[in-house]
N, C-alpha and C. Protein backbone atom coordinates (compact mmCIF):
# COMPACT_ATOMS: atom_id res chain seq x y z
N UNK A 1 -20.96 16.58 1.64
CA UNK A 1 -20.52 16.98 3.04
C UNK A 1 -19.01 16.10 2.40
N UNK A 2 -18.32 16.95 2.37
CA UNK A 2 -16.86 16.46 2.64
C UNK A 2 -15.64 16.97 3.87
N UNK A 3 -15.25 15.92 4.82
CA UNK A 3 -14.26 16.76 6.12
C UNK A 3 -13.43 17.28 5.42
N UNK A 4 -12.58 16.97 3.95
CA UNK A 4 -11.29 17.88 3.99
C UNK A 4 -11.60 19.12 3.63
N UNK A 5 -12.90 19.41 3.05
CA UNK A 5 -12.99 20.57 3.17
C UNK A 5 -13.47 22.10 4.32
N UNK A 6 -13.07 21.20 5.34
CA UNK A 6 -12.78 21.84 6.69
C UNK A 6 -11.21 21.79 6.89
N UNK A 7 -10.23 20.88 7.13
CA UNK A 7 -9.61 20.62 6.84
C UNK A 7 -9.08 19.15 6.16
N UNK A 8 -7.39 20.03 5.92
CA UNK A 8 -6.77 18.48 5.06
C UNK A 8 -6.61 17.06 5.83
N UNK A 9 -6.69 16.77 4.82
CA UNK A 9 -6.64 15.26 4.75
C UNK A 9 -5.26 14.76 5.66
N UNK A 10 -4.89 14.17 6.67
CA UNK A 10 -3.42 14.21 6.90
C UNK A 10 -2.90 13.35 6.48
N UNK A 11 -2.32 12.87 5.25
CA UNK A 11 -1.86 11.57 4.29
C UNK A 11 -0.63 11.78 4.50
N UNK A 12 0.24 10.73 4.77
CA UNK A 12 1.78 10.47 4.78
C UNK A 12 2.12 9.85 3.25
N UNK A 13 3.47 10.75 3.19
CA UNK A 13 4.02 9.93 1.53
C UNK A 13 3.55 8.55 1.33
N UNK A 14 3.38 7.65 2.34
CA UNK A 14 3.71 6.36 1.71
C UNK A 14 1.85 6.13 1.44
N UNK A 15 1.18 6.59 2.29
CA UNK A 15 -0.40 6.94 2.34
C UNK A 15 -0.57 7.48 0.71
N UNK A 16 -0.13 8.34 0.20
CA UNK A 16 -0.29 8.77 -1.23
C UNK A 16 0.47 7.85 -2.25
N UNK A 17 1.21 7.30 -1.80
CA UNK A 17 1.73 6.49 -2.81
C UNK A 17 0.93 5.50 -3.20
N UNK A 18 0.19 4.60 -1.82
CA UNK A 18 -0.24 3.79 -2.03
C UNK A 18 -1.66 4.02 -2.68
N UNK A 19 -2.33 5.27 -2.27
CA UNK A 19 -3.51 5.50 -3.22
C UNK A 19 -3.19 5.84 -4.66
N UNK A 20 -2.04 5.89 -5.05
CA UNK A 20 -1.88 6.50 -6.17
C UNK A 20 -1.82 5.10 -7.03
N UNK A 21 -0.75 4.79 -6.89
CA UNK A 21 -0.82 3.08 -6.87
C UNK A 21 -1.85 2.12 -7.22
N UNK A 22 -2.80 2.19 -6.45
CA UNK A 22 -4.04 1.34 -6.29
C UNK A 22 -5.30 1.97 -6.55
N UNK A 23 -4.99 3.38 -7.27
CA UNK A 23 -6.29 3.91 -8.07
C UNK A 23 -7.76 4.35 -6.90
N UNK A 24 -6.82 4.91 -5.88
CA UNK A 24 -8.13 5.37 -4.56
C UNK A 24 -8.05 6.57 -4.32
N UNK A 25 -9.36 7.10 -4.59
CA UNK A 25 -9.31 8.56 -4.53
C UNK A 25 -9.41 8.86 -3.24
N UNK A 26 -8.93 9.99 -2.77
CA UNK A 26 -9.66 10.85 -1.74
C UNK A 26 -10.78 11.17 -1.27
N UNK A 27 -11.25 11.30 -2.20
CA UNK A 27 -12.86 11.28 -1.74
C UNK A 27 -13.74 9.69 -1.19
N UNK A 28 -12.76 8.66 -1.94
CA UNK A 28 -13.28 7.51 -1.27
C UNK A 28 -12.19 7.05 0.44
N UNK A 29 -11.21 7.65 0.90
CA UNK A 29 -10.76 7.54 1.76
C UNK A 29 -11.38 7.90 2.65
N UNK A 30 -12.21 9.64 2.06
CA UNK A 30 -13.01 10.54 3.13
C UNK A 30 -14.80 9.62 3.49
N UNK A 31 -14.44 8.99 2.33
CA UNK A 31 -16.04 8.02 2.54
C UNK A 31 -15.70 7.13 3.77
N UNK A 32 -14.49 6.49 3.55
CA UNK A 32 -14.73 5.31 4.60
C UNK A 32 -14.01 6.03 6.13
N UNK A 33 -13.68 7.06 6.38
CA UNK A 33 -13.68 7.43 7.50
C UNK A 33 -14.56 8.94 8.25
N UNK A 34 -15.70 8.65 7.07
CA UNK A 34 -16.89 9.33 7.74
C UNK A 34 -17.73 8.13 7.88
N UNK A 35 -17.67 7.47 7.18
CA UNK A 35 -18.96 6.23 7.28
C UNK A 35 -18.51 4.65 7.42
N UNK A 36 -17.26 4.44 7.97
CA UNK A 36 -17.10 3.11 7.92
C UNK A 36 -16.18 2.85 9.43
N UNK A 37 -16.71 1.36 9.72
CA UNK A 37 -16.56 1.21 10.73
C UNK A 37 -15.31 1.09 11.56
N UNK A 38 -14.75 1.74 13.28
CA UNK A 38 -13.57 1.60 13.46
C UNK A 38 -13.05 0.60 14.21
N UNK A 39 -11.76 0.22 14.36
CA UNK A 39 -11.09 -0.92 15.37
C UNK A 39 -9.88 -0.43 15.33
N UNK A 40 -9.54 -0.30 16.65
CA UNK A 40 -8.31 -0.12 16.97
C UNK A 40 -7.20 -1.60 17.38
N UNK A 41 -6.07 -1.60 16.29
CA UNK A 41 -6.19 -2.78 16.24
C UNK A 41 -4.31 -3.24 15.75
N UNK A 42 -2.91 -3.86 16.49
CA UNK A 42 -1.93 -3.46 16.22
C UNK A 42 -1.30 -2.11 16.45
N UNK A 43 -1.73 -1.27 17.24
CA UNK A 43 -1.88 0.45 17.31
C UNK A 43 -1.84 0.68 16.69
N UNK A 44 -3.02 0.90 16.13
CA UNK A 44 -3.55 1.46 14.41
C UNK A 44 -4.50 1.62 14.66
N UNK A 45 -5.47 2.68 14.29
CA UNK A 45 -7.49 2.78 14.22
C UNK A 45 -7.34 2.54 13.09
N UNK A 46 -8.16 1.74 12.57
CA UNK A 46 -8.35 0.96 11.22
C UNK A 46 -9.84 1.56 10.76
N UNK A 47 -10.20 2.32 9.83
CA UNK A 47 -11.44 2.24 9.38
C UNK A 47 -11.65 1.25 8.32
N UNK A 48 -12.66 0.68 8.07
CA UNK A 48 -13.25 -0.36 6.94
C UNK A 48 -14.45 -0.20 6.46
N UNK A 49 -14.73 -0.15 5.49
CA UNK A 49 -16.37 0.63 4.59
C UNK A 49 -16.22 -1.11 4.20
N UNK A 50 -17.81 -1.93 4.89
CA UNK A 50 -18.08 -3.03 4.50
C UNK A 50 -19.34 -3.36 4.07
N UNK A 51 -19.96 -4.01 4.02
CA UNK A 51 -21.09 -4.18 2.92
C UNK A 51 -22.33 -3.50 4.40
N UNK A 52 -22.09 -4.10 5.07
CA UNK A 52 -23.58 -3.17 6.28
C UNK A 52 -23.54 -1.86 6.00
N UNK A 53 -21.90 -1.33 6.29
CA UNK A 53 -21.94 0.51 6.34
C UNK A 53 -22.66 0.75 4.83
N UNK A 54 -22.59 0.46 3.68
CA UNK A 54 -22.84 0.08 2.42
C UNK A 54 -24.60 0.26 2.16
N UNK A 55 -24.71 -0.76 3.24
CA UNK A 55 -26.23 -0.72 3.30
C UNK A 55 -26.77 0.13 3.87
N UNK A 56 -26.31 0.26 5.20
CA UNK A 56 -26.80 1.38 6.06
C UNK A 56 -26.60 3.00 5.22
N UNK A 57 -25.77 3.00 4.79
CA UNK A 57 -25.62 4.45 3.82
C UNK A 57 -26.52 4.64 2.56
N UNK A 58 -27.35 3.25 1.98
CA UNK A 58 -28.34 3.26 1.10
C UNK A 58 -29.15 4.17 1.39
N UNK A 59 -29.39 3.08 2.22
CA UNK A 59 -31.02 3.59 3.38
C UNK A 59 -31.04 5.49 3.43
N UNK A 60 -30.15 6.38 3.61
CA UNK A 60 -29.71 7.75 3.94
C UNK A 60 -29.83 8.15 2.11
N UNK A 61 -29.81 7.41 1.26
CA UNK A 61 -29.70 7.81 -0.23
C UNK A 61 -28.32 7.94 -0.52
N UNK A 62 -27.12 7.52 0.14
CA UNK A 62 -25.74 7.47 0.01
C UNK A 62 -25.25 5.78 -0.92
N UNK A 63 -24.97 6.40 -2.51
CA UNK A 63 -24.00 5.36 -2.88
C UNK A 63 -22.58 5.20 -2.66
N UNK A 64 -22.58 4.20 -1.59
CA UNK A 64 -21.11 4.07 -1.16
C UNK A 64 -20.23 2.44 -2.07
N UNK A 65 -21.51 2.13 -2.97
CA UNK A 65 -20.62 1.26 -3.04
C UNK A 65 -19.43 0.88 -3.94
N UNK A 66 -18.84 1.54 -4.81
CA UNK A 66 -17.72 1.51 -5.20
C UNK A 66 -16.38 1.68 -3.94
N UNK A 67 -16.75 1.99 -3.34
CA UNK A 67 -15.91 2.60 -1.84
C UNK A 67 -16.02 1.17 -0.94
N UNK A 68 -16.70 -0.17 -1.71
CA UNK A 68 -16.58 -1.37 -0.54
C UNK A 68 -15.61 -1.74 -0.33
N UNK A 69 -15.08 -2.32 0.47
CA UNK A 69 -13.73 -3.36 0.91
C UNK A 69 -12.58 -2.40 1.44
N UNK A 70 -13.13 -1.35 1.07
CA UNK A 70 -11.42 -0.32 1.59
C UNK A 70 -11.53 0.17 3.38
N UNK A 71 -10.06 -0.23 3.58
CA UNK A 71 -9.62 -0.03 4.47
C UNK A 71 -8.22 1.02 4.43
N UNK A 72 -8.68 2.02 5.87
CA UNK A 72 -7.67 2.92 5.55
C UNK A 72 -7.14 2.95 7.18
N UNK A 73 -5.37 2.63 7.22
CA UNK A 73 -4.88 2.59 8.48
C UNK A 73 -4.55 4.02 9.01
N UNK A 74 -5.24 4.59 10.26
CA UNK A 74 -4.43 5.54 10.86
C UNK A 74 -3.20 5.47 11.58
N UNK A 75 -2.85 6.69 11.91
CA UNK A 75 -1.97 6.05 13.33
C UNK A 75 -2.57 6.85 14.87
N UNK A 76 -2.25 6.98 15.77
CA UNK A 76 -3.05 7.40 16.81
C UNK A 76 -2.93 8.97 16.68
N UNK A 77 -2.12 9.55 15.88
CA UNK A 77 -2.62 10.76 16.00
C UNK A 77 -3.36 11.55 14.93
N UNK A 78 -3.95 10.19 14.22
CA UNK A 78 -4.76 10.82 13.16
C UNK A 78 -4.49 10.96 11.36
N UNK A 79 -2.93 10.75 11.33
CA UNK A 79 -2.45 10.68 10.25
C UNK A 79 -2.81 9.27 9.80
N UNK A 80 -3.20 9.48 7.99
CA UNK A 80 -3.29 8.53 7.02
C UNK A 80 -2.38 7.45 7.04
N UNK A 81 -1.94 6.38 6.88
CA UNK A 81 -0.79 6.15 7.01
C UNK A 81 -0.46 4.78 5.53
N UNK A 82 -1.85 3.99 5.57
CA UNK A 82 -1.58 3.39 3.96
C UNK A 82 -3.35 3.25 3.88
N UNK A 83 -3.71 3.06 2.45
CA UNK A 83 -5.00 2.44 2.45
C UNK A 83 -5.08 1.32 1.22
N UNK A 84 -5.86 0.48 1.39
CA UNK A 84 -5.90 -1.01 0.38
C UNK A 84 -7.49 -1.52 0.55
N UNK A 85 -7.66 -2.07 -0.57
CA UNK A 85 -8.99 -2.66 -0.73
C UNK A 85 -8.56 -4.46 -0.50
N UNK A 86 -10.04 -4.69 0.85
CA UNK A 86 -9.50 -6.07 1.85
C UNK A 86 -11.12 -6.41 1.82
N UNK A 87 -11.64 -7.24 0.97
CA UNK A 87 -13.06 -7.45 1.71
C UNK A 87 -13.19 -8.77 2.85
N UNK A 88 -12.09 -8.78 3.31
CA UNK A 88 -12.31 -9.76 4.02
C UNK A 88 -11.89 -8.98 5.54
N UNK A 89 -12.53 -8.85 6.17
CA UNK A 89 -12.78 -8.28 7.48
C UNK A 89 -12.04 -8.82 8.77
N UNK A 90 -11.87 -10.04 8.68
CA UNK A 90 -11.78 -11.17 9.67
C UNK A 90 -10.74 -11.19 10.50
N UNK A 91 -9.75 -10.17 9.75
CA UNK A 91 -8.41 -9.50 10.31
C UNK A 91 -8.76 -8.55 11.29
N UNK A 92 -9.75 -7.64 11.28
CA UNK A 92 -9.99 -6.41 11.80
C UNK A 92 -9.99 -7.36 13.71
N UNK A 93 -8.93 -7.43 14.23
CA UNK A 93 -9.49 -7.53 15.75
C UNK A 93 -9.27 -6.05 16.55
N UNK A 94 -9.61 -6.55 17.56
CA UNK A 94 -9.97 -5.16 18.28
C UNK A 94 -8.55 -6.05 19.68
N UNK A 95 -7.73 -4.65 19.47
CA UNK A 95 -6.72 -5.21 20.50
C UNK A 95 -7.20 -5.24 21.98
N UNK A 96 -6.23 -5.68 22.57
CA UNK A 96 -6.74 -6.24 24.59
C UNK A 96 -6.10 -5.22 25.45
């Protein structure tokens, strides 16, 4: 079940470059977008895949452990702006 099978994932050149440099696959980004938590912060939509999401997915037979800690930053229009690994989710505060 891959969202990109329906529509191509809208990646900016910056996101592609960061994914290549950080060895993050398109499958990893799709997993974060499909199963990660979502927070609006600093004018962007942030998807993050943490321990809770990994545990929830494992109860349904999905192994998302390799993607734990990934964060995907999207523009309001849905374009993926950047992707990185950060296991510290304290900086994910909702915008008021």
